[in-house]
């Protein structure tokens, strides 16, 4: 809430699927800019030349194919917010221009001889370690410090198991409303499996599973997924911060006081048959 009361640039970090964009949108909606645009740019989805024109816009005739003027995302987000997704993917030559825009609050479109003042709040989002990239020379240190005014780090699901029940309840209600279904109540066995699972796909994976359960009305599909899923390799388990999924596997089957995955699935099937 305190972050929504200011216009400081926010760097949001965390693994893929942890809800970084949702946090940015929530802060925007709680701020005085809520009624103005929230514009997103995926830095990894565009080549350098297109990313520059996408961010800053271009004048008619600026390059071959520029048949008419096009405003950039910064201009479209004027008096609103701009989310720079995968900021670590911005090429070094473009980082200098981005820094200048953030410092001066003004930009010059491609092919233009004038500058335009802008009023934009910036959210920079990444699942990469920018500090490592700075030390390697692939990310400008001055841009990093300009973006890192306030940093919000979102931990992965395997480190916030206490949130699973609340998230599950919210998602069950969300998709029941979307698909016009009665809200489902999951079996305790399924919730136990949810807590055993390490969620390599984080909240995005949980959301997809809940969506499937709501549509199919079949929790057993999740049990089958667990039985059939092979543990990820060390390379597959590696994430942006150089860590791997717990024990490099998708499940913690040997924790003290916990049943093995095989036993859990058998118990889930038994309870389903007797219920």
Protein backbone atom coordinates (compact mmCIF):
# COMPACT_ATOMS: atom_id res chain seq x y z
CA UNK A 1 0.00 0.00 0.00
CA UNK A 2 2.85 2.39 0.83
CA UNK A 3 4.36 1.82 -2.62
CA UNK A 4 1.11 2.87 -4.29
CA UNK A 5 1.32 6.29 -2.62
CA UNK A 6 4.51 7.22 -4.43
CA UNK A 7 5.79 7.21 -8.00
CA UNK A 8 9.15 5.56 -7.38
CA UNK A 9 10.45 3.05 -9.91
CA UNK A 10 10.03 -0.52 -8.67
CA UNK A 11 12.15 -3.54 -9.58
CA UNK A 12 10.14 -6.76 -9.15
CA UNK A 13 12.15 -9.98 -9.11
CA UNK A 14 11.31 -13.65 -8.78
CA UNK A 15 11.06 -16.90 -10.67
CA UNK A 16 8.75 -17.28 -13.64
CA UNK A 17 5.12 -17.72 -12.60
CA UNK A 18 5.36 -16.10 -9.15
CA UNK A 19 2.93 -13.30 -10.03
CA UNK A 20 5.26 -10.37 -10.68
CA UNK A 21 2.96 -8.70 -13.20
CA UNK A 22 -0.01 -9.11 -10.84
CA UNK A 23 1.90 -7.26 -8.11
CA UNK A 24 2.69 -4.41 -10.51
CA UNK A 25 -0.94 -4.17 -11.61
CA UNK A 26 -2.14 -4.20 -7.99
CA UNK A 27 0.18 -1.32 -7.06
CA UNK A 28 -0.97 0.60 -10.15
CA UNK A 29 -4.66 0.07 -9.30
CA UNK A 30 -4.12 1.30 -5.74
CA UNK A 31 -2.29 4.42 -6.91
CA UNK A 32 -3.49 7.81 -8.11
CA UNK A 33 -2.75 6.59 -11.66
CA UNK A 34 -5.40 3.84 -11.47
CA UNK A 35 -7.67 5.50 -14.06
CA UNK A 36 -4.82 5.97 -16.52
CA UNK A 37 -3.14 3.37 -18.78
CA UNK A 38 -1.15 0.37 -17.57
CA UNK A 39 1.04 -0.60 -20.53
CA UNK A 40 3.17 -3.76 -20.73
CA UNK A 41 6.21 -4.34 -22.96
CA UNK A 42 7.84 -7.77 -23.19
CA UNK A 43 11.50 -7.00 -23.81
CA UNK A 44 12.31 -10.61 -24.71
CA UNK A 45 9.67 -10.87 -27.44
CA UNK A 46 11.08 -8.23 -29.82
CA UNK A 47 14.42 -7.82 -31.64
CA UNK A 48 16.47 -4.73 -30.80
CA UNK A 49 15.30 -2.53 -33.70
CA UNK A 50 11.63 -3.28 -33.09
CA UNK A 51 11.97 -2.92 -29.31
CA UNK A 52 13.37 0.59 -29.70
CA UNK A 53 10.51 1.73 -31.93
CA UNK A 54 8.01 -0.06 -29.67
CA UNK A 55 9.27 1.81 -26.61
CA UNK A 56 9.91 5.25 -28.07
CA UNK A 57 7.81 5.37 -31.23
CA UNK A 58 8.81 6.69 -34.65
CA UNK A 59 8.04 9.45 -37.13
CA UNK A 60 6.77 8.90 -40.65
CA UNK A 61 9.70 8.04 -42.94
CA UNK A 62 12.07 7.25 -40.05
CA UNK A 63 12.94 3.94 -41.74
CA UNK A 64 11.74 1.72 -44.54
CA UNK A 65 8.16 0.75 -43.90
CA UNK A 66 7.42 3.66 -41.54
CA UNK A 67 4.46 4.91 -43.56
CA UNK A 68 2.94 6.85 -40.70
CA UNK A 69 3.80 8.15 -37.26
CA UNK A 70 3.47 5.71 -34.38
CA UNK A 71 3.61 6.64 -30.68
CA UNK A 72 5.75 4.44 -28.44
CA UNK A 73 4.69 2.67 -25.27
CA UNK A 74 6.21 5.37 -23.08
CA UNK A 75 3.98 7.97 -24.71
CA UNK A 76 0.92 5.70 -24.55
CA UNK A 77 1.55 5.22 -20.83
CA UNK A 78 1.67 8.98 -20.16
CA UNK A 79 0.28 9.71 -16.67
CA UNK A 80 -0.06 5.96 -16.16
CA UNK A 81 2.34 3.07 -15.60
CA UNK A 82 4.69 1.11 -17.86
CA UNK A 83 5.75 -2.45 -17.10
CA UNK A 84 9.06 -3.45 -18.67
CA UNK A 85 8.88 -7.24 -18.60
CA UNK A 86 12.12 -9.25 -18.81
CA UNK A 87 14.18 -6.06 -18.41
CA UNK A 88 17.36 -8.12 -18.44
CA UNK A 89 16.74 -8.90 -22.13
CA UNK A 90 17.10 -5.25 -23.20
CA UNK A 91 20.30 -5.03 -25.33
CA UNK A 92 23.17 -2.90 -24.03
CA UNK A 93 22.94 -0.19 -26.77
CA UNK A 94 19.27 0.34 -25.94
CA UNK A 95 19.90 0.39 -22.20
CA UNK A 96 21.69 3.74 -22.57
CA UNK A 97 18.69 5.36 -24.23
CA UNK A 98 16.34 3.82 -21.69
CA UNK A 99 18.44 5.26 -18.86
CA UNK A 100 18.32 8.72 -20.46
CA UNK A 101 14.52 8.59 -20.69
CA UNK A 102 14.19 7.51 -17.06
CA UNK A 103 16.58 10.23 -15.90
CA UNK A 104 15.16 13.13 -17.93
CA UNK A 105 11.48 12.10 -18.20
CA UNK A 106 11.55 12.99 -21.87
CA UNK A 107 12.11 11.08 -25.08
CA UNK A 108 12.72 11.54 -28.77
CA UNK A 109 10.96 9.23 -31.22
CA UNK A 110 12.96 7.61 -34.01
CA UNK A 111 13.37 10.13 -36.83
CA UNK A 112 12.26 13.06 -34.68
CA UNK A 113 14.25 16.22 -34.01
CA UNK A 114 12.21 17.21 -30.95
CA UNK A 115 11.74 15.78 -27.47
CA UNK A 116 8.50 15.05 -25.63
CA UNK A 117 7.98 15.27 -21.87
CA UNK A 118 6.47 12.17 -20.31
CA UNK A 119 5.00 11.33 -16.91
CA UNK A 120 5.26 7.56 -16.46
CA UNK A 121 5.73 5.28 -13.49
CA UNK A 122 7.99 2.35 -14.39
CA UNK A 123 7.88 -1.22 -13.13
CA UNK A 124 10.87 -3.33 -14.18
CA UNK A 125 10.30 -7.08 -13.97
CA UNK A 126 12.83 -9.90 -14.27
CA UNK A 127 13.49 -13.52 -13.33
CA UNK A 128 17.22 -13.05 -13.95
CA UNK A 129 19.89 -11.92 -11.51
CA UNK A 130 20.65 -8.37 -12.62
CA UNK A 131 23.49 -8.08 -10.10
CA UNK A 132 25.20 -11.03 -11.79
CA UNK A 133 24.55 -9.51 -15.21
CA UNK A 134 26.10 -6.22 -14.04
CA UNK A 135 29.22 -8.03 -12.85
CA UNK A 136 29.40 -9.87 -16.20
CA UNK A 137 29.04 -6.60 -18.12
CA UNK A 138 25.78 -7.53 -19.86
CA UNK A 139 23.68 -5.01 -17.93
CA UNK A 140 24.59 -1.38 -17.20
CA UNK A 141 25.24 -0.67 -13.54
CA UNK A 142 23.85 2.87 -13.78
CA UNK A 143 20.58 1.57 -15.25
CA UNK A 144 20.40 -1.12 -12.58
CA UNK A 145 20.69 1.44 -9.78
CA UNK A 146 18.15 3.69 -11.52
CA UNK A 147 15.63 0.83 -11.70
CA UNK A 148 16.38 -0.55 -8.23
CA UNK A 149 14.91 2.35 -6.25
CA UNK A 150 12.62 -0.11 -4.48
CA UNK A 151 12.94 -3.85 -4.95
CA UNK A 152 10.13 -6.33 -4.39
CA UNK A 153 11.18 -9.99 -4.45
CA UNK A 154 8.52 -12.69 -4.78
CA UNK A 155 9.58 -16.06 -3.31
CA UNK A 156 8.75 -19.26 -5.21
CA UNK A 157 5.80 -21.43 -4.17
CA UNK A 158 8.08 -24.08 -2.62
CA UNK A 159 9.14 -21.45 -0.07
CA UNK A 160 5.62 -20.26 0.75
CA UNK A 161 3.64 -23.46 1.25
CA UNK A 162 1.56 -21.70 3.91
CA UNK A 163 -0.12 -19.68 1.14
CA UNK A 164 -1.28 -22.69 -0.89
CA UNK A 165 -4.65 -23.15 0.81
CA UNK A 166 -5.61 -19.47 0.48
CA UNK A 167 -4.44 -19.31 -3.14
CA UNK A 168 -6.30 -22.51 -3.97
CA UNK A 169 -9.52 -21.20 -2.43
CA UNK A 170 -9.21 -17.92 -4.35
CA UNK A 171 -8.57 -19.69 -7.67
CA UNK A 172 -11.43 -22.15 -7.15
CA UNK A 173 -13.80 -19.21 -6.67
CA UNK A 174 -12.32 -17.29 -9.61
CA UNK A 175 -12.74 -20.09 -12.14
CA UNK A 176 -16.09 -21.26 -10.79
CA UNK A 177 -17.37 -17.72 -11.46
CA UNK A 178 -15.72 -17.54 -14.88
CA UNK A 179 -17.17 -20.85 -16.08
CA UNK A 180 -20.53 -20.58 -14.33
CA UNK A 181 -19.87 -23.56 -12.05
CA UNK A 182 -20.55 -24.18 -8.39
CA UNK A 183 -17.40 -23.61 -6.37
CA UNK A 184 -15.65 -26.92 -5.74
CA UNK A 185 -14.23 -28.05 -2.41
CA UNK A 186 -11.05 -30.07 -2.75
CA UNK A 187 -10.45 -33.25 -0.79
CA UNK A 188 -7.99 -32.96 2.06
CA UNK A 189 -5.89 -35.62 0.33
CA UNK A 190 -5.55 -33.38 -2.70
CA UNK A 191 -4.56 -30.43 -0.52
CA UNK A 192 -1.96 -32.66 1.15
CA UNK A 193 -0.55 -33.48 -2.28
CA UNK A 194 -0.51 -29.77 -3.09
CA UNK A 195 1.69 -29.22 -0.03
CA UNK A 196 3.99 -32.11 -0.98
CA UNK A 197 4.51 -30.80 -4.51
CA UNK A 198 7.33 -28.30 -5.09
CA UNK A 199 5.51 -26.31 -7.82
CA UNK A 200 8.31 -25.65 -10.34
CA UNK A 201 5.82 -23.57 -12.36
CA UNK A 202 4.82 -21.60 -9.24
CA UNK A 203 1.44 -19.84 -9.07
CA UNK A 204 0.95 -20.12 -12.84
CA UNK A 205 1.10 -23.92 -12.57
CA UNK A 206 -1.29 -23.97 -9.61
CA UNK A 207 -3.72 -21.77 -11.55
CA UNK A 208 -3.64 -24.10 -14.56
CA UNK A 209 -4.31 -27.14 -12.36
CA UNK A 210 -7.19 -25.47 -10.54
CA UNK A 211 -8.66 -24.39 -13.87
CA UNK A 212 -8.51 -28.01 -15.06
CA UNK A 213 -10.14 -29.29 -11.87
CA UNK A 214 -12.97 -26.75 -12.12
CA UNK A 215 -13.67 -27.60 -15.76
CA UNK A 216 -13.30 -31.39 -15.55
CA UNK A 217 -14.55 -31.83 -11.97
CA UNK A 218 -11.87 -34.46 -11.55
CA UNK A 219 -9.12 -34.12 -8.97
CA UNK A 220 -7.70 -37.50 -9.94
CA UNK A 221 -6.13 -35.92 -13.04
CA UNK A 222 -3.73 -34.12 -10.70
CA UNK A 223 -2.91 -37.37 -8.88
CA UNK A 224 -2.14 -39.01 -12.21
CA UNK A 225 0.10 -36.10 -13.15
CA UNK A 226 2.10 -36.59 -9.98
CA UNK A 227 2.51 -40.33 -10.50
CA UNK A 228 3.58 -39.94 -14.12
CA UNK A 229 5.88 -36.96 -13.74
CA UNK A 230 9.58 -37.75 -13.74
CA UNK A 231 11.93 -35.62 -11.61
CA UNK A 232 13.48 -32.69 -13.53
CA UNK A 233 17.16 -32.76 -14.34
CA UNK A 234 19.54 -30.37 -12.59
CA UNK A 235 19.47 -28.16 -15.69
CA UNK A 236 15.65 -28.14 -15.84
CA UNK A 237 15.42 -27.36 -12.16
CA UNK A 238 17.80 -24.42 -12.36
CA UNK A 239 16.13 -21.02 -11.98
CA UNK A 240 17.14 -17.42 -12.53
CA UNK A 241 18.83 -17.10 -9.16
CA UNK A 242 21.09 -20.10 -9.59
CA UNK A 243 19.06 -22.42 -7.36
CA UNK A 244 17.39 -25.72 -8.12
CA UNK A 245 14.06 -27.16 -7.12
CA UNK A 246 14.14 -28.86 -3.73
CA UNK A 247 16.52 -31.82 -3.93
CA UNK A 248 16.35 -31.44 -7.73
CA UNK A 249 13.02 -33.27 -7.73
CA UNK A 250 9.40 -32.24 -7.96
CA UNK A 251 8.48 -33.83 -4.64
CA UNK A 252 9.75 -34.18 -1.12
CA UNK A 253 8.94 -37.81 -0.57
CA UNK A 254 11.38 -38.67 2.18
CA UNK A 255 10.71 -35.86 4.65
CA UNK A 256 10.31 -37.05 8.28
CA UNK A 257 6.66 -37.70 9.16
CA UNK A 258 5.50 -37.68 5.54
CA UNK A 259 4.34 -40.54 3.33
CA UNK A 260 6.03 -41.26 0.05
CA UNK A 261 4.43 -39.95 -3.15
CA UNK A 262 3.39 -43.49 -4.10
CA UNK A 263 1.70 -43.99 -0.73
CA UNK A 264 -0.05 -40.63 -0.95
CA UNK A 265 -1.46 -41.42 -4.40
CA UNK A 266 -2.64 -44.85 -3.22
CA UNK A 267 -4.32 -43.27 -0.22
CA UNK A 268 -5.93 -40.62 -2.45
CA UNK A 269 -7.31 -43.32 -4.74
CA UNK A 270 -8.61 -45.35 -1.78
CA UNK A 271 -10.40 -42.36 -0.28
CA UNK A 272 -11.91 -41.48 -3.65
CA UNK A 273 -13.30 -45.00 -4.01
CA UNK A 274 -14.86 -45.01 -0.53
CA UNK A 275 -16.24 -41.48 -0.58
